[in-house]
């Protein structure tokens, strides 16, 4: 397999609080990896470290075999290869849907307006939001905003899409439309790392599931390994709590 992200001995502390303790994780091209675990287990911090929104305290992050934490490595260049979808959408409220999907392409990737528009509309079509191109975020539901956020990230042609609990801020009836969009993406061969508390989704789309507990990867394996035959007592306890 073609390893795209390789996290080695990653640690992250906030003051004296060690949130990530010696994390080792590889993600291969085209793989869908979901990260599950209780609140405070370090899932979102791991994702934010991979995207360098948080600077790791120690360890390495290799992107296509290059350590992105080395002095002199171009972080803006690295970030253009990662699409990030947050809990809170982070859309520009003063721009309409289309403009939200154009801005990064024009300013960061320096695409022409025509090319950027074509790419944006194609991605908005893929998430079922093309007919809303003139709407402002304030006119959209939470589920629609999140689908626009996904289209915006996809329009940058990332190698890897990172999702940080993309349904946690949504009303229950809107969760389904966002998960359906993500399932469709998972079937296109896109590399995805998803922090989620949606267990049925993790079970259905993952190539690999990672269970985090107290800042470590306590167990990882196929959905069947984790959901049907978990080995670790803390994995069993967590699943018993969330599934029953």
Protein backbone atom coordinates (compact mmCIF):
# COMPACT_ATOMS: atom_id res chain seq x y z
CA UNK A 1 0.00 0.00 0.00
CA UNK A 2 0.97 3.60 -0.54
CA UNK A 3 1.37 5.31 2.86
CA UNK A 4 0.33 8.95 2.70
CA UNK A 5 0.41 9.97 6.40
CA UNK A 6 2.75 8.36 8.92
CA UNK A 7 2.53 9.57 12.53
CA UNK A 8 5.46 8.42 14.69
CA UNK A 9 5.73 8.68 18.50
CA UNK A 10 3.50 11.75 18.53
CA UNK A 11 3.00 13.52 21.84
CA UNK A 12 1.02 16.64 22.71
CA UNK A 13 0.83 18.39 26.06
CA UNK A 14 -1.06 21.49 27.11
CA UNK A 15 0.96 22.70 30.09
CA UNK A 16 1.31 19.68 32.38
CA UNK A 17 -1.63 17.89 30.82
CA UNK A 18 -0.37 15.23 28.38
CA UNK A 19 -3.25 14.77 25.92
CA UNK A 20 -1.49 12.51 23.39
CA UNK A 21 0.98 9.88 24.57
CA UNK A 22 3.21 8.19 21.98
CA UNK A 23 0.77 7.88 19.06
CA UNK A 24 1.83 5.76 16.07
CA UNK A 25 -0.49 5.69 13.08
CA UNK A 26 -0.21 5.19 9.33
CA UNK A 27 -2.87 6.02 6.76
CA UNK A 28 -2.64 4.59 3.24
CA UNK A 29 -3.85 6.21 0.06
CA UNK A 30 -7.56 5.51 -0.46
CA UNK A 31 -8.06 4.28 3.10
CA UNK A 32 -10.98 5.37 5.31
CA UNK A 33 -9.89 5.47 8.94
CA UNK A 34 -12.35 6.35 11.69
CA UNK A 35 -11.29 7.34 15.19
CA UNK A 36 -13.68 6.63 18.05
CA UNK A 37 -13.48 7.05 21.83
CA UNK A 38 -14.95 9.04 24.70
CA UNK A 39 -14.77 12.82 25.00
CA UNK A 40 -11.32 13.84 26.19
CA UNK A 41 -9.59 10.76 24.79
CA UNK A 42 -7.47 12.90 22.42
CA UNK A 43 -9.25 12.20 19.11
CA UNK A 44 -9.73 15.81 17.97
CA UNK A 45 -6.30 16.84 19.25
CA UNK A 46 -4.74 14.09 17.11
CA UNK A 47 -6.56 15.38 14.03
CA UNK A 48 -5.54 18.96 14.80
CA UNK A 49 -1.91 17.84 15.20
CA UNK A 50 -2.01 16.02 11.83
CA UNK A 51 -3.24 19.28 10.25
CA UNK A 52 -0.75 21.27 12.39
CA UNK A 53 -3.51 23.46 13.82
CA UNK A 54 -1.82 22.28 17.04
CA UNK A 55 1.95 21.91 17.14
CA UNK A 56 2.96 18.49 18.51
CA UNK A 57 5.19 18.51 21.59
CA UNK A 58 7.25 15.62 20.25
CA UNK A 59 7.34 13.04 17.47
CA UNK A 60 7.16 13.10 13.68
CA UNK A 61 4.45 13.48 11.06
CA UNK A 62 5.51 12.19 7.66
CA UNK A 63 3.53 13.23 4.59
CA UNK A 64 4.63 11.10 1.62
CA UNK A 65 7.79 10.19 3.59
CA UNK A 66 8.78 13.80 4.40
CA UNK A 67 8.71 15.04 7.99
CA UNK A 68 6.46 18.11 7.97
CA UNK A 69 7.79 19.18 11.39
CA UNK A 70 11.35 19.62 10.07
CA UNK A 71 12.65 23.16 9.96
CA UNK A 72 12.23 24.65 6.51
CA UNK A 73 9.33 22.39 5.43
CA UNK A 74 6.60 24.45 3.74
CA UNK A 75 3.56 24.27 6.04
CA UNK A 76 1.25 26.26 3.71
CA UNK A 77 2.11 23.76 0.96
CA UNK A 78 1.41 20.80 3.28
CA UNK A 79 -1.94 22.27 4.37
CA UNK A 80 -3.12 22.61 0.76
CA UNK A 81 -2.98 18.78 0.54
CA UNK A 82 -5.30 18.34 3.54
CA UNK A 83 -9.00 19.17 3.51
CA UNK A 84 -10.47 19.84 6.95
CA UNK A 85 -14.15 19.76 7.88
CA UNK A 86 -14.91 21.08 11.37
CA UNK A 87 -17.81 20.67 13.77
CA UNK A 88 -18.86 24.30 13.29
CA UNK A 89 -18.71 24.58 9.45
CA UNK A 90 -16.44 27.71 9.49
CA UNK A 91 -18.07 29.17 6.37
CA UNK A 92 -17.60 32.85 5.52
CA UNK A 93 -20.97 34.39 6.39
CA UNK A 94 -20.43 37.42 4.12
CA UNK A 95 -19.99 35.19 1.04
CA UNK A 96 -22.55 33.07 -0.77
CA UNK A 97 -22.16 29.30 -1.22
CA UNK A 98 -20.29 29.55 -4.51
CA UNK A 99 -17.92 32.27 -3.24
CA UNK A 100 -17.13 30.12 -0.18
CA UNK A 101 -16.04 27.33 -2.54
CA UNK A 102 -14.03 29.70 -4.76
CA UNK A 103 -12.02 31.70 -2.22
CA UNK A 104 -9.33 29.13 -1.35
CA UNK A 105 -8.95 28.03 -4.95
CA UNK A 106 -8.37 31.62 -6.13
CA UNK A 107 -6.15 32.86 -3.28
CA UNK A 108 -4.15 29.73 -2.39
CA UNK A 109 -4.10 27.60 -5.55
CA UNK A 110 -4.17 30.63 -7.89
CA UNK A 111 -6.66 28.98 -10.24
CA UNK A 112 -8.45 31.01 -12.88
CA UNK A 113 -12.00 32.12 -12.01
CA UNK A 114 -13.45 29.84 -14.75
CA UNK A 115 -11.59 26.73 -13.62
CA UNK A 116 -12.33 27.39 -9.94
CA UNK A 117 -16.04 27.89 -10.69
CA UNK A 118 -16.22 24.65 -12.70
CA UNK A 119 -14.55 22.67 -9.88
CA UNK A 120 -16.72 24.31 -7.19
CA UNK A 121 -19.96 23.58 -9.04
CA UNK A 122 -18.96 19.97 -9.66
CA UNK A 123 -18.26 19.46 -5.94
CA UNK A 124 -21.46 21.25 -4.92
CA UNK A 125 -23.35 18.92 -7.28
CA UNK A 126 -21.65 15.92 -5.65
CA UNK A 127 -22.93 16.96 -2.21
CA UNK A 128 -26.40 17.95 -3.46
CA UNK A 129 -25.94 21.71 -2.96
CA UNK A 130 -25.55 23.07 -6.52
CA UNK A 131 -28.96 24.78 -6.54
CA UNK A 132 -27.98 26.86 -3.50
CA UNK A 133 -24.95 28.59 -5.06
CA UNK A 134 -26.38 32.09 -4.48
CA UNK A 135 -27.53 31.45 -0.90
CA UNK A 136 -25.73 32.92 2.10
CA UNK A 137 -24.83 30.54 4.98
CA UNK A 138 -27.48 32.24 7.17
CA UNK A 139 -30.16 30.95 4.77
CA UNK A 140 -29.05 27.30 5.09
CA UNK A 141 -29.77 24.56 7.62
CA UNK A 142 -26.89 23.06 9.62
CA UNK A 143 -26.79 19.98 7.40
CA UNK A 144 -26.66 22.12 4.26
CA UNK A 145 -23.86 24.27 5.70
CA UNK A 146 -21.83 21.17 6.50
CA UNK A 147 -22.30 19.84 2.96
CA UNK A 148 -21.09 23.19 1.58
CA UNK A 149 -18.08 22.96 3.93
CA UNK A 150 -17.34 19.49 2.51
CA UNK A 151 -17.64 20.80 -1.08
CA UNK A 152 -15.35 23.71 -0.22
CA UNK A 153 -12.68 21.35 1.17
CA UNK A 154 -13.00 19.02 -1.84
CA UNK A 155 -12.58 21.94 -4.24
CA UNK A 156 -8.96 22.24 -3.08
CA UNK A 157 -8.30 18.70 -4.44
CA UNK A 158 -6.83 17.44 -1.16
CA UNK A 159 -4.93 14.16 -0.88
CA UNK A 160 -6.52 13.54 2.52
CA UNK A 161 -9.82 14.72 4.00
CA UNK A 162 -9.94 15.19 7.78
CA UNK A 163 -13.36 15.28 9.47
CA UNK A 164 -13.58 16.41 13.10
CA UNK A 165 -16.95 15.16 14.42
CA UNK A 166 -18.72 16.68 11.41
CA UNK A 167 -22.21 15.82 12.70
CA UNK A 168 -21.87 16.77 16.37
CA UNK A 169 -23.29 20.30 15.97
CA UNK A 170 -26.26 19.14 13.88
CA UNK A 171 -29.88 18.48 14.81
CA UNK A 172 -30.59 14.72 14.69
CA UNK A 173 -32.68 14.94 11.49
CA UNK A 174 -29.76 16.60 9.65
CA UNK A 175 -27.11 14.07 10.67
CA UNK A 176 -28.27 11.55 8.05
CA UNK A 177 -27.80 13.84 5.05
CA UNK A 178 -24.19 14.65 6.04
CA UNK A 179 -23.35 10.99 6.77
CA UNK A 180 -24.85 9.99 3.40
CA UNK A 181 -22.61 12.55 1.68
CA UNK A 182 -19.57 11.17 3.53
CA UNK A 183 -20.48 7.58 2.66
CA UNK A 184 -20.60 8.52 -1.01
CA UNK A 185 -17.16 10.12 -0.69
CA UNK A 186 -15.78 7.03 1.04
CA UNK A 187 -16.76 4.96 -2.00
CA UNK A 188 -14.84 7.24 -4.41
CA UNK A 189 -11.42 6.15 -3.14
CA UNK A 190 -10.75 9.40 -1.26
CA UNK A 191 -8.37 9.08 1.71
CA UNK A 192 -10.35 10.01 4.83
CA UNK A 193 -9.60 10.31 8.56
CA UNK A 194 -12.83 10.76 10.48
CA UNK A 195 -13.26 11.49 14.18
CA UNK A 196 -16.85 10.45 14.89
CA UNK A 197 -19.28 9.28 17.53
CA UNK A 198 -21.57 7.78 14.86
CA UNK A 199 -20.85 4.09 15.45
CA UNK A 200 -23.07 2.74 12.65
CA UNK A 201 -21.24 4.99 10.18
CA UNK A 202 -17.82 3.88 11.47
CA UNK A 203 -18.88 0.25 11.17
CA UNK A 204 -20.17 0.67 7.62
CA UNK A 205 -17.53 2.80 5.86
CA UNK A 206 -14.22 2.21 7.64
CA UNK A 207 -11.33 0.20 6.34
CA UNK A 208 -9.87 0.58 9.82
CA UNK A 209 -11.26 1.73 13.16
CA UNK A 210 -9.04 3.23 15.86
CA UNK A 211 -10.24 3.31 19.46
CA UNK A 212 -8.55 5.99 21.56
CA UNK A 213 -8.61 6.12 25.34
CA UNK A 214 -6.78 8.54 27.66
CA UNK A 215 -4.41 9.80 24.97
CA UNK A 216 -3.32 6.45 23.53
CA UNK A 217 -4.49 4.17 20.73
CA UNK A 218 -5.93 1.41 22.88
CA UNK A 219 -6.97 -0.84 19.98
CA UNK A 220 -7.26 -0.75 16.20
CA UNK A 221 -8.50 -3.12 13.53
CA UNK A 222 -11.20 -3.73 10.95
CA UNK A 223 -14.78 -2.76 11.87
CA UNK A 224 -15.39 -6.43 12.62
CA UNK A 225 -12.33 -6.62 14.90
CA UNK A 226 -13.46 -3.61 16.89
CA UNK A 227 -17.25 -3.87 16.92
CA UNK A 228 -17.70 -7.65 16.92
CA UNK A 229 -14.51 -9.06 18.47
CA UNK A 230 -12.88 -6.32 20.57
CA UNK A 231 -9.92 -7.62 22.59
CA UNK A 232 -9.30 -4.83 25.10
CA UNK A 233 -11.45 -4.49 28.20
CA UNK A 234 -11.68 -0.70 27.76
CA UNK A 235 -12.85 -1.08 24.15
CA UNK A 236 -15.56 -3.50 25.28
CA UNK A 237 -16.60 -1.15 28.08
CA UNK A 238 -16.78 1.88 25.75
CA UNK A 239 -18.84 0.01 23.13
CA UNK A 240 -21.13 -1.41 25.79
CA UNK A 241 -21.75 2.15 26.98
CA UNK A 242 -22.37 3.75 23.58
CA UNK A 243 -24.21 0.93 21.82
CA UNK A 244 -26.63 -0.07 24.59
